[in-house]
PDB file of N, CA and C in Angstrom:
ATOM      1  N   MET A   1      47.450  -5.813-100.804  1.00  0.00           N
ATOM      2  CA  MET A   1      46.396  -5.026-101.236  1.00  0.00           C
ATOM      3  C   MET A   1      45.053  -5.743-101.296  1.00  0.00           C
ATOM      4  N   HIS A   2      45.164  -7.097-101.289  1.00  0.00           N
ATOM      5  CA  HIS A   2      43.914  -7.880-101.264  1.00  0.00           C
ATOM      6  C   HIS A   2      43.060  -7.577-100.011  1.00  0.00           C
ATOM      7  N   ARG A   3      43.781  -7.316 -98.894  1.00  0.00           N
ATOM      8  CA  ARG A   3      43.097  -7.063 -97.637  1.00  0.00           C
ATOM      9  C   ARG A   3      42.412  -5.720 -97.572  1.00  0.00           C
ATOM     10  N   TYR A   4      42.811  -4.776 -98.452  1.00  0.00           N
ATOM     11  CA  TYR A   4      42.291  -3.414 -98.426  1.00  0.00           C
ATOM     12  C   TYR A   4      41.001  -3.284 -99.234  1.00  0.00           C
ATOM     13  N   LYS A   5      40.611  -4.270 -99.922  1.00  0.00           N
ATOM     14  CA  LYS A   5      39.427  -4.178-100.777  1.00  0.00           C
ATOM     15  C   LYS A   5      38.224  -3.859 -99.887  1.00  0.00           C
ATOM     16  N   GLY A   6      37.627  -2.708-100.115  1.00  0.00           N
ATOM     17  CA  GLY A   6      36.482  -2.286 -99.334  1.00  0.00           C
ATOM     18  C   GLY A   6      36.843  -1.495 -98.156  1.00  0.00           C
ATOM     19  N   LEU A   7      38.146  -1.310 -97.818  1.00  0.00           N
ATOM     20  CA  LEU A   7      38.569  -0.583 -96.689  1.00  0.00           C
ATOM     21  C   LEU A   7      39.291   0.687 -97.146  1.00  0.00           C
ATOM     22  N   GLU A   8      39.438   1.648 -96.236  1.00  0.00           N
ATOM     23  CA  GLU A   8      40.141   2.852 -96.562  1.00  0.00           C
ATOM     24  C   GLU A   8      41.159   3.161 -95.479  1.00  0.00           C
ATOM     25  N   SER A   9      42.187   3.964 -95.772  1.00  0.00           N
ATOM     26  CA  SER A   9      43.227   4.305 -94.845  1.00  0.00           C
ATOM     27  C   SER A   9      43.654   5.753 -95.135  1.00  0.00           C
ATOM     28  N   PRO A  10      43.979   6.513 -94.093  1.00  0.00           N
ATOM     29  CA  PRO A  10      44.357   7.906 -94.342  1.00  0.00           C
ATOM     30  C   PRO A  10      45.592   8.017 -95.227  1.00  0.00           C
ATOM     31  N   MET A  11      46.498   7.088 -95.135  1.00  0.00           N
ATOM     32  CA  MET A  11      47.722   7.126 -95.981  1.00  0.00           C
ATOM     33  C   MET A  11      48.012   5.734 -96.494  1.00  0.00           C
ATOM     34  N   VAL A  12      48.333   5.681 -97.786  1.00  0.00           N
ATOM     35  CA  VAL A  12      48.755   4.430 -98.461  1.00  0.00           C
ATOM     36  C   VAL A  12      50.034   4.654 -99.160  1.00  0.00           C
ATOM     37  N   ILE A  13      50.991   3.699 -98.963  1.00  0.00           N
ATOM     38  CA  ILE A  13      52.235   3.707 -99.689  1.00  0.00           C
ATOM     39  C   ILE A  13      52.243   2.475-100.604  1.00  0.00           C
ATOM     40  N   VAL A  14      52.353   2.696-101.878  1.00  0.00           N
ATOM     41  CA  VAL A  14      52.367   1.594-102.858  1.00  0.00           C
ATOM     42  C   VAL A  14      53.787   1.412-103.344  1.00  0.00           C
ATOM     43  N   THR A  15      54.307   0.161-103.241  1.00  0.00           N
ATOM     44  CA  THR A  15      55.653  -0.128-103.743  1.00  0.00           C
ATOM     45  C   THR A  15      55.595  -1.400-104.577  1.00  0.00           C
ATOM     46  N   ASP A  16      56.670  -1.706-105.243  1.00  0.00           N
ATOM     47  CA  ASP A  16      56.856  -2.908-106.022  1.00  0.00           C
ATOM     48  C   ASP A  16      55.729  -3.068-107.102  1.00  0.00           C
ATOM     49  N   ILE A  17      55.579  -1.989-107.844  1.00  0.00           N
ATOM     50  CA  ILE A  17      54.610  -2.039-108.940  1.00  0.00           C
ATOM     51  C   ILE A  17      55.155  -2.957-110.056  1.00  0.00           C
ATOM     52  N   ASP A  18      54.373  -3.933-110.396  1.00  0.00           N
ATOM     53  CA  ASP A  18      54.818  -4.891-111.443  1.00  0.00           C
ATOM     54  C   ASP A  18      53.658  -5.060-112.413  1.00  0.00           C
ATOM     55  N   GLY A  19      53.780  -4.489-113.582  1.00  0.00           N
ATOM     56  CA  GLY A  19      52.734  -4.615-114.596  1.00  0.00           C
ATOM     57  C   GLY A  19      52.725  -5.959-115.290  1.00  0.00           C
ATOM     58  N   ALA A  20      53.742  -6.847-114.971  1.00  0.00           N
ATOM     59  CA  ALA A  20      53.817  -8.127-115.649  1.00  0.00           C
ATOM     60  C   ALA A  20      52.774  -9.117-115.117  1.00  0.00           C
ATOM     61  N   SER A  21      52.285  -8.939-113.909  1.00  0.00           N
ATOM     62  CA  SER A  21      51.381  -9.898-113.386  1.00  0.00           C
ATOM     63  C   SER A  21      50.002  -9.651-113.988  1.00  0.00           C
ATOM     64  N   PRO A  22      49.202 -10.769-114.148  1.00  0.00           N
ATOM     65  CA  PRO A  22      47.916 -10.611-114.802  1.00  0.00           C
ATOM     66  C   PRO A  22      46.953  -9.726-114.093  1.00  0.00           C
ATOM     67  N   ASP A  23      46.934  -9.689-112.753  1.00  0.00           N
ATOM     68  CA  ASP A  23      46.012  -8.848-112.039  1.00  0.00           C
ATOM     69  C   ASP A  23      46.699  -7.648-111.466  1.00  0.00           C
ATOM     70  N   GLY A  24      47.831  -7.242-112.037  1.00  0.00           N
ATOM     71  CA  GLY A  24      48.622  -6.111-111.490  1.00  0.00           C
ATOM     72  C   GLY A  24      47.886  -4.833-111.563  1.00  0.00           C
ATOM     73  N   GLU A  25      47.215  -4.533-112.666  1.00  0.00           N
ATOM     74  CA  GLU A  25      46.443  -3.275-112.778  1.00  0.00           C
ATOM     75  C   GLU A  25      45.318  -3.189-111.796  1.00  0.00           C
ATOM     76  N   ASP A  26      44.604  -4.314-111.623  1.00  0.00           N
ATOM     77  CA  ASP A  26      43.522  -4.356-110.662  1.00  0.00           C
ATOM     78  C   ASP A  26      44.023  -4.122-109.219  1.00  0.00           C
ATOM     79  N   LEU A  27      45.125  -4.741-108.879  1.00  0.00           N
ATOM     80  CA  LEU A  27      45.685  -4.545-107.523  1.00  0.00           C
ATOM     81  C   LEU A  27      46.167  -3.138-107.330  1.00  0.00           C
ATOM     82  N   LEU A  28      46.792  -2.584-108.371  1.00  0.00           N
ATOM     83  CA  LEU A  28      47.263  -1.218-108.288  1.00  0.00           C
ATOM     84  C   LEU A  28      46.074  -0.228-108.065  1.00  0.00           C
ATOM     85  N   TYR A  29      45.000  -0.482-108.801  1.00  0.00           N
ATOM     86  CA  TYR A  29      43.821   0.374-108.674  1.00  0.00           C
ATOM     87  C   TYR A  29      43.265   0.265-107.222  1.00  0.00           C
ATOM     88  N   VAL A  30      43.121  -0.921-106.726  1.00  0.00           N
ATOM     89  CA  VAL A  30      42.632  -1.121-105.378  1.00  0.00           C
ATOM     90  C   VAL A  30      43.500  -0.390-104.357  1.00  0.00           C
ATOM     91  N   GLY A  31      44.793  -0.552-104.496  1.00  0.00           N
ATOM     92  CA  GLY A  31      45.772   0.048-103.544  1.00  0.00           C
ATOM     93  C   GLY A  31      45.746   1.575-103.579  1.00  0.00           C
ATOM     94  N   MET A  32      45.629   2.124-104.742  1.00  0.00           N
ATOM     95  CA  MET A  32      45.712   3.579-104.929  1.00  0.00           C
ATOM     96  C   MET A  32      44.417   4.198-104.575  1.00  0.00           C
ATOM     97  N   THR A  33      43.302   3.525-104.639  1.00  0.00           N
ATOM     98  CA  THR A  33      41.995   4.181-104.316  1.00  0.00           C
ATOM     99  C   THR A  33      41.609   4.029-102.863  1.00  0.00           C
ATOM    100  N   ARG A  34      42.484   3.448-102.051  1.00  0.00           N
ATOM    101  CA  ARG A  34      42.169   3.276-100.618  1.00  0.00           C
ATOM    102  C   ARG A  34      42.584   4.485 -99.782  1.00  0.00           C
ATOM    103  N   ALA A  35      43.444   5.337-100.327  1.00  0.00           N
ATOM    104  CA  ALA A  35      43.972   6.484 -99.572  1.00  0.00           C
ATOM    105  C   ALA A  35      42.898   7.563 -99.445  1.00  0.00           C
ATOM    106  N   THR A  36      42.634   8.055 -98.275  1.00  0.00           N
ATOM    107  CA  THR A  36      41.718   9.133 -98.082  1.00  0.00           C
ATOM    108  C   THR A  36      42.359  10.523 -97.994  1.00  0.00           C
ATOM    109  N   GLU A  37      43.648  10.555 -97.602  1.00  0.00           N
ATOM    110  CA  GLU A  37      44.345  11.801 -97.424  1.00  0.00           C
ATOM    111  C   GLU A  37      45.683  11.875 -98.245  1.00  0.00           C
ATOM    112  N   ARG A  38      46.448  10.794 -98.199  1.00  0.00           N
ATOM    113  CA  ARG A  38      47.734  10.893 -98.901  1.00  0.00           C
ATOM    114  C   ARG A  38      48.086   9.533 -99.497  1.00  0.00           C
ATOM    115  N   LEU A  39      48.590   9.648-100.769  1.00  0.00           N
ATOM    116  CA  LEU A  39      49.024   8.478-101.499  1.00  0.00           C
ATOM    117  C   LEU A  39      50.450   8.661-101.928  1.00  0.00           C
ATOM    118  N   ILE A  40      51.321   7.699-101.649  1.00  0.00           N
ATOM    119  CA  ILE A  40      52.743   7.705-102.054  1.00  0.00           C
ATOM    120  C   ILE A  40      52.984   6.491-102.832  1.00  0.00           C
ATOM    121  N   VAL A  41      53.561   6.698-104.057  1.00  0.00           N
ATOM    122  CA  VAL A  41      53.873   5.604-104.949  1.00  0.00           C
ATOM    123  C   VAL A  41      55.361   5.624-105.130  1.00  0.00           C
ATOM    124  N   LEU A  42      56.047   4.458-104.803  1.00  0.00           N
ATOM    125  CA  LEU A  42      57.498   4.366-104.932  1.00  0.00           C
ATOM    126  C   LEU A  42      57.752   3.447-106.122  1.00  0.00           C
ATOM    127  N   THR A  43      58.291   4.049-107.203  1.00  0.00           N
ATOM    128  CA  THR A  43      58.598   3.204-108.376  1.00  0.00           C
ATOM    129  C   THR A  43      59.688   3.897-109.170  1.00  0.00           C
ATOM    130  N   SER A  44      60.185   3.264-110.211  1.00  0.00           N
ATOM    131  CA  SER A  44      61.186   3.868-111.046  1.00  0.00           C
ATOM    132  C   SER A  44      60.523   4.547-112.204  1.00  0.00           C
ATOM    133  N   LEU A  45      61.172   5.455-112.891  1.00  0.00           N
ATOM    134  CA  LEU A  45      60.620   6.116-114.042  1.00  0.00           C
ATOM    135  C   LEU A  45      60.334   5.130-115.164  1.00  0.00           C
ATOM    136  N   GLU A  46      61.227   4.125-115.301  1.00  0.00           N
ATOM    137  CA  GLU A  46      61.022   3.086-116.305  1.00  0.00           C
ATOM    138  C   GLU A  46      59.711   2.364-116.122  1.00  0.00           C
ATOM    139  N   GLU A  47      59.466   1.943-114.887  1.00  0.00           N
ATOM    140  CA  GLU A  47      58.185   1.242-114.588  1.00  0.00           C
ATOM    141  C   GLU A  47      57.003   2.163-114.778  1.00  0.00           C
ATOM    142  N   LEU A  48      57.143   3.376-114.421  1.00  0.00           N
ATOM    143  CA  LEU A  48      56.043   4.375-114.580  1.00  0.00           C
ATOM    144  C   LEU A  48      55.692   4.498-116.053  1.00  0.00           C
ATOM    145  N   HIS A  49      56.690   4.618-116.966  1.00  0.00           N
ATOM    146  CA  HIS A  49      56.403   4.727-118.391  1.00  0.00           C
ATOM    147  C   HIS A  49      55.787   3.485-118.924  1.00  0.00           C
ATOM    148  N   GLN A  50      56.103   2.308-118.394  1.00  0.00           N
ATOM    149  CA  GLN A  50      55.513   1.052-118.840  1.00  0.00           C
ATOM    150  C   GLN A  50      54.039   0.996-118.470  1.00  0.00           C
ATOM    151  N   GLN A  51      53.672   1.576-117.359  1.00  0.00           N
ATOM    152  CA  GLN A  51      52.271   1.531-116.913  1.00  0.00           C
ATOM    153  C   GLN A  51      51.375   2.438-117.710  1.00  0.00           C
ATOM    154  N   MET A  52      51.957   3.463-118.307  1.00  0.00           N
ATOM    155  CA  MET A  52      51.115   4.469-119.056  1.00  0.00           C
ATOM    156  C   MET A  52      50.844   4.064-120.456  1.00  0.00           C
TER     157      MET A  52
END
């Protein structure tokens, strides 16, 4: 996701969400805001609840 900063893509697939890393939220934000048409996030329900 570091490479996507400032770039956009029609479709982005985000995997391996890990809220334990110090910059995890920032990277997740960058990755999720690069999609112009479709965003797919692959994660477990447990990880999703931890992020909220």
